[in-house]
All heavy atoms as atom14 arrays in JSON, in Angstrom:
{
  "sequence": "LLMEQPELIEQLWDNTEFFRSGLQELGFDTGASTTPIIPVIVGDERK",
  "atom14_mask": [
    [1, 1, 1, 1, 1, 1, 1, 1, 0, 0, 0, 0, 0, 0],
    [1, 1, 1, 1, 1, 1, 1, 1, 0, 0, 0, 0, 0, 0],
    [1, 1, 1, 1, 1, 1, 1, 1, 0, 0, 0, 0, 0, 0],
    [1, 1, 1, 1, 1, 1, 1, 1, 1, 0, 0, 0, 0, 0],
    [1, 1, 1, 1, 1, 1, 1, 1, 1, 0, 0, 0, 0, 0],
    [1, 1, 1, 1, 1, 1, 1, 0, 0, 0, 0, 0, 0, 0],
    [1, 1, 1, 1, 1, 1, 1, 1, 1, 0, 0, 0, 0, 0],
    [1, 1, 1, 1, 1, 1, 1, 1, 0, 0, 0, 0, 0, 0],
    [1, 1, 1, 1, 1, 1, 1, 1, 0, 0, 0, 0, 0, 0],
    [1, 1, 1, 1, 1, 1, 1, 1, 1, 0, 0, 0, 0, 0],
    [1, 1, 1, 1, 1, 1, 1, 1, 1, 0, 0, 0, 0, 0],
    [1, 1, 1, 1, 1, 1, 1, 1, 0, 0, 0, 0, 0, 0],
    [1, 1, 1, 1, 1, 1, 1, 1, 1, 1, 1, 1, 1, 1],
    [1, 1, 1, 1, 1, 1, 1, 1, 0, 0, 0, 0, 0, 0],
    [1, 1, 1, 1, 1, 1, 1, 1, 0, 0, 0, 0, 0, 0],
    [1, 1, 1, 1, 1, 1, 1, 0, 0, 0, 0, 0, 0, 0],
    [1, 1, 1, 1, 1, 1, 1, 1, 1, 0, 0, 0, 0, 0],
    [1, 1, 1, 1, 1, 1, 1, 1, 1, 1, 1, 0, 0, 0],
    [1, 1, 1, 1, 1, 1, 1, 1, 1, 1, 1, 0, 0, 0],
    [1, 1, 1, 1, 1, 1, 1, 1, 1, 1, 1, 0, 0, 0],
    [1, 1, 1, 1, 1, 1, 0, 0, 0, 0, 0, 0, 0, 0],
    [1, 1, 1, 1, 0, 0, 0, 0, 0, 0, 0, 0, 0, 0],
    [1, 1, 1, 1, 1, 1, 1, 1, 0, 0, 0, 0, 0, 0],
    [1, 1, 1, 1, 1, 1, 1, 1, 1, 0, 0, 0, 0, 0],
    [1, 1, 1, 1, 1, 1, 1, 1, 1, 0, 0, 0, 0, 0],
    [1, 1, 1, 1, 1, 1, 1, 1, 0, 0, 0, 0, 0, 0],
    [1, 1, 1, 1, 0, 0, 0, 0, 0, 0, 0, 0, 0, 0],
    [1, 1, 1, 1, 1, 1, 1, 1, 1, 1, 1, 0, 0, 0],
    [1, 1, 1, 1, 1, 1, 1, 1, 0, 0, 0, 0, 0, 0],
    [1, 1, 1, 1, 1, 1, 1, 0, 0, 0, 0, 0, 0, 0],
    [1, 1, 1, 1, 0, 0, 0, 0, 0, 0, 0, 0, 0, 0],
    [1, 1, 1, 1, 1, 0, 0, 0, 0, 0, 0, 0, 0, 0],
    [1, 1, 1, 1, 1, 1, 0, 0, 0, 0, 0, 0, 0, 0],
    [1, 1, 1, 1, 1, 1, 1, 0, 0, 0, 0, 0, 0, 0],
    [1, 1, 1, 1, 1, 1, 1, 0, 0, 0, 0, 0, 0, 0],
    [1, 1, 1, 1, 1, 1, 1, 0, 0, 0, 0, 0, 0, 0],
    [1, 1, 1, 1, 1, 1, 1, 1, 0, 0, 0, 0, 0, 0],
    [1, 1, 1, 1, 1, 1, 1, 1, 0, 0, 0, 0, 0, 0],
    [1, 1, 1, 1, 1, 1, 1, 0, 0, 0, 0, 0, 0, 0],
    [1, 1, 1, 1, 1, 1, 1, 0, 0, 0, 0, 0, 0, 0],
    [1, 1, 1, 1, 1, 1, 1, 1, 0, 0, 0, 0, 0, 0],
    [1, 1, 1, 1, 1, 1, 1, 0, 0, 0, 0, 0, 0, 0],
    [1, 1, 1, 1, 0, 0, 0, 0, 0, 0, 0, 0, 0, 0],
    [1, 1, 1, 1, 1, 1, 1, 1, 0, 0, 0, 0, 0, 0],
    [1, 1, 1, 1, 1, 1, 1, 1, 1, 0, 0, 0, 0, 0],
    [1, 1, 1, 1, 1, 1, 1, 1, 1, 1, 1, 0, 0, 0],
    [1, 1, 1, 1, 1, 1, 1, 1, 1, 0, 0, 0, 0, 0]
  ],
  "atom14_positions": [
    [[-254.92, 3.61, -23.9], [-253.76, 2.71, -23.93], [-253.35, 2.27, -22.54], [-252.94, 1.11, -22.34], [-252.59, 3.41, -24.63], [-252.56, 3.34, -26.15], [-251.47, 4.25, -26.7], [-252.33, 1.91, -26.62], [0.0, 0.0, 0.0], [0.0, 0.0, 0.0], [0.0, 0.0, 0.0], [0.0, 0.0, 0.0], [0.0, 0.0, 0.0], [0.0, 0.0, 0.0]],
    [[-253.42, 3.17, -21.56], [-253.09, 2.8, -20.18], [-254.0, 1.67, -19.7], [-253.56, 0.77, -18.97], [-253.22, 4.0, -19.25], [-252.17, 5.11, -19.39], [-252.46, 6.24, -18.42], [-250.76, 4.57, -19.17], [0.0, 0.0, 0.0], [0.0, 0.0, 0.0], [0.0, 0.0, 0.0], [0.0, 0.0, 0.0], [0.0, 0.0, 0.0], [0.0, 0.0, 0.0]],
    [[-255.25, 1.72, -20.09], [-256.2, 0.69, -19.68], [-255.99, -0.61, -20.45], [-256.16, -1.71, -19.91], [-257.63, 1.19, -19.89], [-257.99, 2.39, -19.04], [-257.78, 2.09, -17.26], [-258.99, 0.78, -17.01], [0.0, 0.0, 0.0], [0.0, 0.0, 0.0], [0.0, 0.0, 0.0], [0.0, 0.0, 0.0], [0.0, 0.0, 0.0], [0.0, 0.0, 0.0]],
    [[-255.59, -0.49, -21.71], [-255.48, -1.67, -22.58], [-254.12, -2.37, -22.5], [-254.02, -3.57, -22.74], [-255.73, -1.26, -24.04], [-257.13, -0.74, -24.31], [-257.22, -0.01, -25.65], [-256.2, 0.04, -26.39], [-258.31, 0.52, -25.96], [0.0, 0.0, 0.0], [0.0, 0.0, 0.0], [0.0, 0.0, 0.0], [0.0, 0.0, 0.0], [0.0, 0.0, 0.0]],
    [[-253.06, -1.61, -22.15], [-251.71, -2.17, -22.2], [-250.94, -1.91, -20.9], [-249.94, -1.17, -20.89], [-250.95, -1.6, -23.39], [-251.57, -1.93, -24.74], [-250.74, -1.41, -25.91], [-249.53, -1.19, -25.8], [-251.39, -1.22, -27.04], [0.0, 0.0, 0.0], [0.0, 0.0, 0.0], [0.0, 0.0, 0.0], [0.0, 0.0, 0.0], [0.0, 0.0, 0.0]],
    [[-251.35, -2.51, -19.8], [-250.63, -2.32, -18.53], [-249.2, -2.84, -18.59], [-248.37, -2.47, -17.75], [-251.47, -3.11, -17.53], [-252.22, -4.12, -18.35], [-252.51, -3.42, -19.64], [0.0, 0.0, 0.0], [0.0, 0.0, 0.0], [0.0, 0.0, 0.0], [0.0, 0.0, 0.0], [0.0, 0.0, 0.0], [0.0, 0.0, 0.0], [0.0, 0.0, 0.0]],
    [[-248.9, -3.68, -19.57], [-247.54, -4.19, -19.7], [-246.52, -3.08, -19.98], [-245.32, -3.25, -19.72], [-247.45, -5.26, -20.79], [-247.8, -4.8, -22.2], [-249.29, -4.94, -22.53], [-250.11, -5.08, -21.6], [-249.61, -4.91, -23.74], [0.0, 0.0, 0.0], [0.0, 0.0, 0.0], [0.0, 0.0, 0.0], [0.0, 0.0, 0.0], [0.0, 0.0, 0.0]],
    [[-246.98, -1.94, -20.51], [-246.07, -0.81, -20.7], [-245.5, -0.35, -19.36], [-244.29, -0.08, -19.24], [-246.8, 0.36, -21.37], [-247.12, 0.24, -22.86], [-248.01, 1.4, -23.29], [-245.84, 0.21, -23.68], [0.0, 0.0, 0.0], [0.0, 0.0, 0.0], [0.0, 0.0, 0.0], [0.0, 0.0, 0.0], [0.0, 0.0, 0.0], [0.0, 0.0, 0.0]],
    [[-246.36, -0.27, -18.35], [-245.92, 0.17, -17.03], [-245.05, -0.91, -16.38], [-244.05, -0.6, -15.71], [-247.13, 0.53, -16.15], [-247.92, 1.66, -16.81], [-246.69, 0.93, -14.75], [-249.23, 2.0, -16.12], [0.0, 0.0, 0.0], [0.0, 0.0, 0.0], [0.0, 0.0, 0.0], [0.0, 0.0, 0.0], [0.0, 0.0, 0.0], [0.0, 0.0, 0.0]],
    [[-245.39, -2.16, -16.58], [-244.58, -3.25, -16.05], [-243.16, -3.2, -16.63], [-242.17, -3.39, -15.91], [-245.23, -4.6, -16.38], [-246.56, -4.83, -15.67], [-247.31, -6.04, -16.19], [-246.72, -6.78, -17.01], [-248.47, -6.24, -15.8], [0.0, 0.0, 0.0], [0.0, 0.0, 0.0], [0.0, 0.0, 0.0], [0.0, 0.0, 0.0], [0.0, 0.0, 0.0]],
    [[-243.04, -2.92, -17.93], [-241.73, -2.82, -18.56], [-240.95, -1.63, -18.02], [-239.74, -1.69, -17.82], [-241.87, -2.71, -20.07], [-240.54, -2.72, -20.83], [-239.76, -4.0, -20.61], [-240.3, -5.09, -20.77], [-238.49, -3.87, -20.2], [0.0, 0.0, 0.0], [0.0, 0.0, 0.0], [0.0, 0.0, 0.0], [0.0, 0.0, 0.0], [0.0, 0.0, 0.0]],
    [[-241.66, -0.53, -17.78], [-241.03, 0.65, -17.19], [-240.37, 0.3, -15.86], [-239.21, 0.67, -15.61], [-242.07, 1.75, -17.0], [-241.64, 2.97, -16.17], [-240.51, 3.72, -16.86], [-242.83, 3.89, -15.92], [0.0, 0.0, 0.0], [0.0, 0.0, 0.0], [0.0, 0.0, 0.0], [0.0, 0.0, 0.0], [0.0, 0.0, 0.0], [0.0, 0.0, 0.0]],
    [[-241.08, -0.43, -15.02], [-240.54, -0.78, -13.7], [-239.43, -1.81, -13.79], [-238.46, -1.76, -13.01], [-241.67, -1.21, -12.78], [-242.44, -0.02, -12.3], [-243.6, 0.48, -12.81], [-242.07, 0.86, -11.24], [-243.98, 1.61, -12.14], [-243.07, 1.87, -11.17], [-241.01, 0.9, -10.35], [-243.01, 2.9, -10.23], [-240.95, 1.92, -9.41], [-241.94, 2.91, -9.36]],
    [[-239.53, -2.75, -14.72], [-238.43, -3.7, -14.92], [-237.15, -2.97, -15.31], [-236.06, -3.25, -14.78], [-238.79, -4.71, -16.02], [-239.79, -5.76, -15.55], [-240.01, -5.86, -14.33], [-240.37, -6.45, -16.41], [0.0, 0.0, 0.0], [0.0, 0.0, 0.0], [0.0, 0.0, 0.0], [0.0, 0.0, 0.0], [0.0, 0.0, 0.0], [0.0, 0.0, 0.0]],
    [[-237.26, -2.04, -16.25], [-236.1, -1.27, -16.67], [-235.54, -0.42, -15.54], [-234.32, -0.27, -15.38], [-236.47, -0.37, -17.86], [-236.6, -1.13, -19.16], [-236.23, -2.31, -19.25], [-237.14, -0.48, -20.18], [0.0, 0.0, 0.0], [0.0, 0.0, 0.0], [0.0, 0.0, 0.0], [0.0, 0.0, 0.0], [0.0, 0.0, 0.0], [0.0, 0.0, 0.0]],
    [[-236.45, 0.15, -14.75], [-236.02, 1.0, -13.64], [-235.19, 0.22, -12.63], [-234.11, 0.68, -12.21], [-237.27, 1.6, -12.93], [-237.95, 2.46, -13.85], [-236.87, 2.39, -11.7], [0.0, 0.0, 0.0], [0.0, 0.0, 0.0], [0.0, 0.0, 0.0], [0.0, 0.0, 0.0], [0.0, 0.0, 0.0], [0.0, 0.0, 0.0], [0.0, 0.0, 0.0]],
    [[-235.66, -0.96, -12.24], [-234.93, -1.75, -11.25], [-233.57, -2.2, -11.79], [-232.57, -2.23, -11.06], [-235.78, -2.95, -10.82], [-237.05, -2.58, -10.08], [-236.79, -1.63, -8.9], [-235.81, -1.85, -8.17], [-237.57, -0.67, -8.73], [0.0, 0.0, 0.0], [0.0, 0.0, 0.0], [0.0, 0.0, 0.0], [0.0, 0.0, 0.0], [0.0, 0.0, 0.0]],
    [[-233.53, -2.55, -13.06], [-232.27, -2.96, -13.68], [-231.25, -1.83, -13.63], [-230.08, -2.04, -13.23], [-232.52, -3.38, -15.13], [-231.26, -3.67, -15.91], [-230.6, -4.87, -15.78], [-230.73, -2.71, -16.78], [-229.44, -5.14, -16.49], [-229.57, -2.96, -17.5], [-228.92, -4.18, -17.35], [0.0, 0.0, 0.0], [0.0, 0.0, 0.0], [0.0, 0.0, 0.0]],
    [[-231.68, -0.63, -13.99], [-230.74, 0.49, -14.07], [-230.32, 0.98, -12.69], [-229.14, 1.26, -12.45], [-231.35, 1.63, -14.89], [-230.34, 2.67, -15.29], [-229.4, 2.39, -16.27], [-230.33, 3.93, -14.7], [-228.46, 3.34, -16.65], [-229.4, 4.88, -15.08], [-228.45, 4.59, -16.05], [0.0, 0.0, 0.0], [0.0, 0.0, 0.0], [0.0, 0.0, 0.0]],
    [[-231.28, 1.09, -11.76], [-230.93, 1.59, -10.43], [-229.95, 0.64, -9.73], [-228.95, 1.08, -9.15], [-232.17, 1.78, -9.57], [-231.82, 2.27, -8.17], [-232.98, 2.68, -7.3], [-234.18, 1.95, -7.55], [-235.28, 2.47, -8.06], [-235.33, 3.76, -8.37], [-236.35, 1.73, -8.25], [0.0, 0.0, 0.0], [0.0, 0.0, 0.0], [0.0, 0.0, 0.0]],
    [[-230.23, -0.66, -9.8], [-229.32, -1.61, -9.15], [-227.95, -1.58, -9.81], [-226.92, -1.7, -9.13], [-229.9, -3.03, -9.2], [-230.06, -3.48, -10.54], [0.0, 0.0, 0.0], [0.0, 0.0, 0.0], [0.0, 0.0, 0.0], [0.0, 0.0, 0.0], [0.0, 0.0, 0.0], [0.0, 0.0, 0.0], [0.0, 0.0, 0.0], [0.0, 0.0, 0.0]],
    [[-227.91, -1.35, -11.12], [-226.63, -1.25, -11.82], [-225.82, -0.05, -11.35], [-224.61, -0.16, -11.12], [0.0, 0.0, 0.0], [0.0, 0.0, 0.0], [0.0, 0.0, 0.0], [0.0, 0.0, 0.0], [0.0, 0.0, 0.0], [0.0, 0.0, 0.0], [0.0, 0.0, 0.0], [0.0, 0.0, 0.0], [0.0, 0.0, 0.0], [0.0, 0.0, 0.0]],
    [[-226.46, 1.1, -11.2], [-225.76, 2.28, -10.7], [-225.25, 2.07, -9.28], [-224.11, 2.44, -8.95], [-226.69, 3.5, -10.73], [-226.99, 4.12, -12.09], [-228.06, 5.21, -11.94], [-225.74, 4.72, -12.73], [0.0, 0.0, 0.0], [0.0, 0.0, 0.0], [0.0, 0.0, 0.0], [0.0, 0.0, 0.0], [0.0, 0.0, 0.0], [0.0, 0.0, 0.0]],
    [[-226.07, 1.47, -8.46], [-225.68, 1.25, -7.06], [-224.52, 0.27, -6.96], [-223.6, 0.47, -6.16], [-226.88, 0.77, -6.25], [-227.95, 1.83, -6.08], [-229.23, 1.29, -5.46], [-229.45, 0.08, -5.39], [-230.11, 2.19, -5.03], [0.0, 0.0, 0.0], [0.0, 0.0, 0.0], [0.0, 0.0, 0.0], [0.0, 0.0, 0.0], [0.0, 0.0, 0.0]],
    [[-224.54, -0.76, -7.79], [-223.43, -1.72, -7.79], [-222.11, -1.07, -8.22], [-221.04, -1.47, -7.77], [-223.76, -2.9, -8.69], [-224.83, -3.83, -8.12], [-225.33, -4.84, -9.13], [-224.73, -4.93, -10.23], [-226.33, -5.52, -8.84], [0.0, 0.0, 0.0], [0.0, 0.0, 0.0], [0.0, 0.0, 0.0], [0.0, 0.0, 0.0], [0.0, 0.0, 0.0]],
    [[-222.22, -0.05, -9.06], [-221.01, 0.67, -9.49], [-220.48, 1.6, -8.4], [-219.35, 2.07, -8.49], [-221.32, 1.48, -10.75], [-221.53, 0.68, -12.04], [-222.05, 1.59, -13.16], [-220.23, 0.0, -12.47], [0.0, 0.0, 0.0], [0.0, 0.0, 0.0], [0.0, 0.0, 0.0], [0.0, 0.0, 0.0], [0.0, 0.0, 0.0], [0.0, 0.0, 0.0]],
    [[-221.32, 1.89, -7.41], [-220.88, 2.76, -6.31], [-221.43, 4.17, -6.35], [-221.01, 5.02, -5.56], [0.0, 0.0, 0.0], [0.0, 0.0, 0.0], [0.0, 0.0, 0.0], [0.0, 0.0, 0.0], [0.0, 0.0, 0.0], [0.0, 0.0, 0.0], [0.0, 0.0, 0.0], [0.0, 0.0, 0.0], [0.0, 0.0, 0.0], [0.0, 0.0, 0.0]],
    [[-222.39, 4.42, -7.24], [-223.0, 5.76, -7.31], [-224.05, 5.92, -6.22], [-224.71, 4.96, -5.8], [-223.65, 5.98, -8.67], [-222.66, 6.21, -9.79], [-222.4, 5.2, -10.71], [-222.0, 7.42, -9.91], [-221.49, 5.4, -11.74], [-221.09, 7.63, -10.95], [-220.83, 6.62, -11.85], [0.0, 0.0, 0.0], [0.0, 0.0, 0.0], [0.0, 0.0, 0.0]],
    [[-224.22, 7.16, -5.77], [-225.23, 7.52, -4.78], [-226.52, 7.88, -5.5], [-226.59, 8.91, -6.17], [-224.73, 8.7, -3.94], [-225.73, 9.16, -2.89], [-226.79, 8.52, -2.74], [-225.45, 10.18, -2.21], [0.0, 0.0, 0.0], [0.0, 0.0, 0.0], [0.0, 0.0, 0.0], [0.0, 0.0, 0.0], [0.0, 0.0, 0.0], [0.0, 0.0, 0.0]],
    [[-227.54, 7.04, -5.37], [-228.82, 7.31, -6.02], [-229.86, 7.85, -5.04], [-231.05, 7.91, -5.36], [-229.37, 6.03, -6.7], [-229.56, 5.01, -5.72], [-228.41, 5.54, -7.78], [0.0, 0.0, 0.0], [0.0, 0.0, 0.0], [0.0, 0.0, 0.0], [0.0, 0.0, 0.0], [0.0, 0.0, 0.0], [0.0, 0.0, 0.0], [0.0, 0.0, 0.0]],
    [[-229.43, 8.24, -3.87], [-230.31, 8.88, -2.9], [-231.45, 7.98, -2.47], [-231.29, 6.76, -2.31], [0.0, 0.0, 0.0], [0.0, 0.0, 0.0], [0.0, 0.0, 0.0], [0.0, 0.0, 0.0], [0.0, 0.0, 0.0], [0.0, 0.0, 0.0], [0.0, 0.0, 0.0], [0.0, 0.0, 0.0], [0.0, 0.0, 0.0], [0.0, 0.0, 0.0]],
    [[-232.62, 8.58, -2.31], [-233.8, 7.86, -1.8], [-234.74, 7.41, -2.92], [-235.87, 7.02, -2.67], [-234.56, 8.75, -0.82], [0.0, 0.0, 0.0], [0.0, 0.0, 0.0], [0.0, 0.0, 0.0], [0.0, 0.0, 0.0], [0.0, 0.0, 0.0], [0.0, 0.0, 0.0], [0.0, 0.0, 0.0], [0.0, 0.0, 0.0], [0.0, 0.0, 0.0]],
    [[-234.26, 7.42, -4.16], [-235.12, 7.12, -5.3], [-235.72, 5.72, -5.23], [-235.03, 4.74, -4.94], [-234.34, 7.24, -6.61], [-235.08, 6.73, -7.7], [0.0, 0.0, 0.0], [0.0, 0.0, 0.0], [0.0, 0.0, 0.0], [0.0, 0.0, 0.0], [0.0, 0.0, 0.0], [0.0, 0.0, 0.0], [0.0, 0.0, 0.0], [0.0, 0.0, 0.0]],
    [[-237.03, 5.65, -5.51], [-237.72, 4.36, -5.64], [-238.57, 4.33, -6.91], [-239.44, 3.48, -7.05], [-238.62, 4.08, -4.42], [-239.55, 5.16, -4.26], [-237.8, 3.92, -3.15], [0.0, 0.0, 0.0], [0.0, 0.0, 0.0], [0.0, 0.0, 0.0], [0.0, 0.0, 0.0], [0.0, 0.0, 0.0], [0.0, 0.0, 0.0], [0.0, 0.0, 0.0]],
    [[-238.34, 5.26, -7.83], [-239.15, 5.41, -9.04], [-238.23, 5.51, -10.26], [-237.01, 5.46, -10.13], [-240.02, 6.67, -8.96], [-239.16, 7.83, -9.03], [-240.83, 6.71, -7.67], [0.0, 0.0, 0.0], [0.0, 0.0, 0.0], [0.0, 0.0, 0.0], [0.0, 0.0, 0.0], [0.0, 0.0, 0.0], [0.0, 0.0, 0.0], [0.0, 0.0, 0.0]],
    [[-238.8, 5.65, -11.47], [-237.95, 5.79, -12.66], [-237.1, 7.06, -12.71], [-236.28, 7.2, -13.62], [-238.96, 5.76, -13.81], [-240.12, 5.0, -13.26], [-240.21, 5.41, -11.84], [0.0, 0.0, 0.0], [0.0, 0.0, 0.0], [0.0, 0.0, 0.0], [0.0, 0.0, 0.0], [0.0, 0.0, 0.0], [0.0, 0.0, 0.0], [0.0, 0.0, 0.0]],
    [[-237.31, 8.0, -11.79], [-236.39, 9.13, -11.65], [-235.25, 8.69, -10.74], [-235.46, 8.43, -9.55], [-237.09, 10.35, -11.04], [-238.24, 10.82, -11.92], [-236.1, 11.49, -10.8], [-239.13, 11.87, -11.27], [0.0, 0.0, 0.0], [0.0, 0.0, 0.0], [0.0, 0.0, 0.0], [0.0, 0.0, 0.0], [0.0, 0.0, 0.0], [0.0, 0.0, 0.0]],
    [[-234.06, 8.57, -11.3], [-232.93, 8.06, -10.52], [-231.8, 9.1, -10.57], [-231.12, 9.25, -11.58], [-232.42, 6.72, -11.08], [-233.58, 5.72, -11.21], [-231.32, 6.16, -10.19], [-233.21, 4.43, -11.9], [0.0, 0.0, 0.0], [0.0, 0.0, 0.0], [0.0, 0.0, 0.0], [0.0, 0.0, 0.0], [0.0, 0.0, 0.0], [0.0, 0.0, 0.0]],
    [[-231.59, 9.85, -9.48], [-230.5, 10.81, -9.47], [-229.16, 10.14, -9.19], [-229.08, 9.15, -8.46], [-230.88, 11.74, -8.31], [-231.62, 10.86, -7.37], [-232.36, 9.85, -8.23], [0.0, 0.0, 0.0], [0.0, 0.0, 0.0], [0.0, 0.0, 0.0], [0.0, 0.0, 0.0], [0.0, 0.0, 0.0], [0.0, 0.0, 0.0], [0.0, 0.0, 0.0]],
    [[-228.12, 10.67, -9.79], [-226.75, 10.32, -9.42], [-226.2, 11.55, -8.7], [-225.86, 12.56, -9.33], [-225.91, 9.95, -10.65], [-224.45, 9.76, -10.26], [-226.45, 8.69, -11.31], [0.0, 0.0, 0.0], [0.0, 0.0, 0.0], [0.0, 0.0, 0.0], [0.0, 0.0, 0.0], [0.0, 0.0, 0.0], [0.0, 0.0, 0.0], [0.0, 0.0, 0.0]],
    [[-226.19, 11.48, -7.38], [-225.87, 12.66, -6.57], [-224.35, 12.82, -6.48], [-223.64, 11.91, -6.03], [-226.51, 12.55, -5.18], [-228.04, 12.44, -5.34], [-226.14, 13.75, -4.32], [-228.78, 12.16, -4.06], [0.0, 0.0, 0.0], [0.0, 0.0, 0.0], [0.0, 0.0, 0.0], [0.0, 0.0, 0.0], [0.0, 0.0, 0.0], [0.0, 0.0, 0.0]],
    [[-223.87, 13.98, -6.89], [-222.45, 14.29, -6.91], [-222.08, 15.27, -5.8], [-221.06, 15.14, -5.14], [-222.04, 14.84, -8.29], [-220.57, 15.22, -8.31], [-222.36, 13.82, -9.38], [0.0, 0.0, 0.0], [0.0, 0.0, 0.0], [0.0, 0.0, 0.0], [0.0, 0.0, 0.0], [0.0, 0.0, 0.0], [0.0, 0.0, 0.0], [0.0, 0.0, 0.0]],
    [[-222.93, 16.28, -5.6], [-222.67, 17.29, -4.58], [-222.13, 18.57, -5.18], [-222.81, 19.6, -5.22], [0.0, 0.0, 0.0], [0.0, 0.0, 0.0], [0.0, 0.0, 0.0], [0.0, 0.0, 0.0], [0.0, 0.0, 0.0], [0.0, 0.0, 0.0], [0.0, 0.0, 0.0], [0.0, 0.0, 0.0], [0.0, 0.0, 0.0], [0.0, 0.0, 0.0]],
    [[-220.9, 18.52, -5.68], [-220.25, 19.69, -6.25], [-220.89, 20.06, -7.6], [-221.04, 19.2, -8.49], [-218.77, 19.41, -6.44], [-218.02, 20.58, -7.05], [-217.76, 21.55, -6.33], [-217.74, 20.53, -8.27], [0.0, 0.0, 0.0], [0.0, 0.0, 0.0], [0.0, 0.0, 0.0], [0.0, 0.0, 0.0], [0.0, 0.0, 0.0], [0.0, 0.0, 0.0]],
    [[-221.24, 21.35, -7.75], [-221.94, 21.8, -8.95], [-221.11, 21.6, -10.22], [-221.59, 21.07, -11.23], [-222.35, 23.27, -8.82], [-223.63, 23.51, -8.05], [-223.45, 23.47, -6.54], [-222.29, 23.35, -6.09], [-224.46, 23.56, -5.81], [0.0, 0.0, 0.0], [0.0, 0.0, 0.0], [0.0, 0.0, 0.0], [0.0, 0.0, 0.0], [0.0, 0.0, 0.0]],
    [[-219.86, 22.03, -10.16], [-219.02, 21.93, -11.35], [-218.79, 20.47, -11.76], [-218.83, 20.12, -12.95], [-217.67, 22.62, -11.11], [-217.75, 24.13, -11.11], [-216.36, 24.74, -10.95], [-216.4, 26.19, -10.99], [-216.41, 26.9, -12.11], [-216.38, 26.29, -13.27], [-216.43, 28.22, -12.06], [0.0, 0.0, 0.0], [0.0, 0.0, 0.0], [0.0, 0.0, 0.0]],
    [[-218.56, 19.62, -10.77], [-218.29, 18.22, -11.09], [-219.54, 17.54, -11.64], [-219.44, 16.7, -12.56], [-217.79, 17.49, -9.84], [-217.35, 16.05, -10.13], [-216.57, 15.45, -8.97], [-215.15, 15.97, -8.92], [-214.32, 15.19, -7.95], [0.0, 0.0, 0.0], [0.0, 0.0, 0.0], [0.0, 0.0, 0.0], [0.0, 0.0, 0.0], [0.0, 0.0, 0.0]]
  ]
}
């Protein structure tokens, strides 16, 4: 499937950019993420 349907990966990256930019525009700290793993860094464990 990876060989036959590269559009799956393209969609993954489109979704990733949409969500990361949305979090950043809201003011969240997403650290150094450049992949579909996007942390929202808070610092305090309880919070």
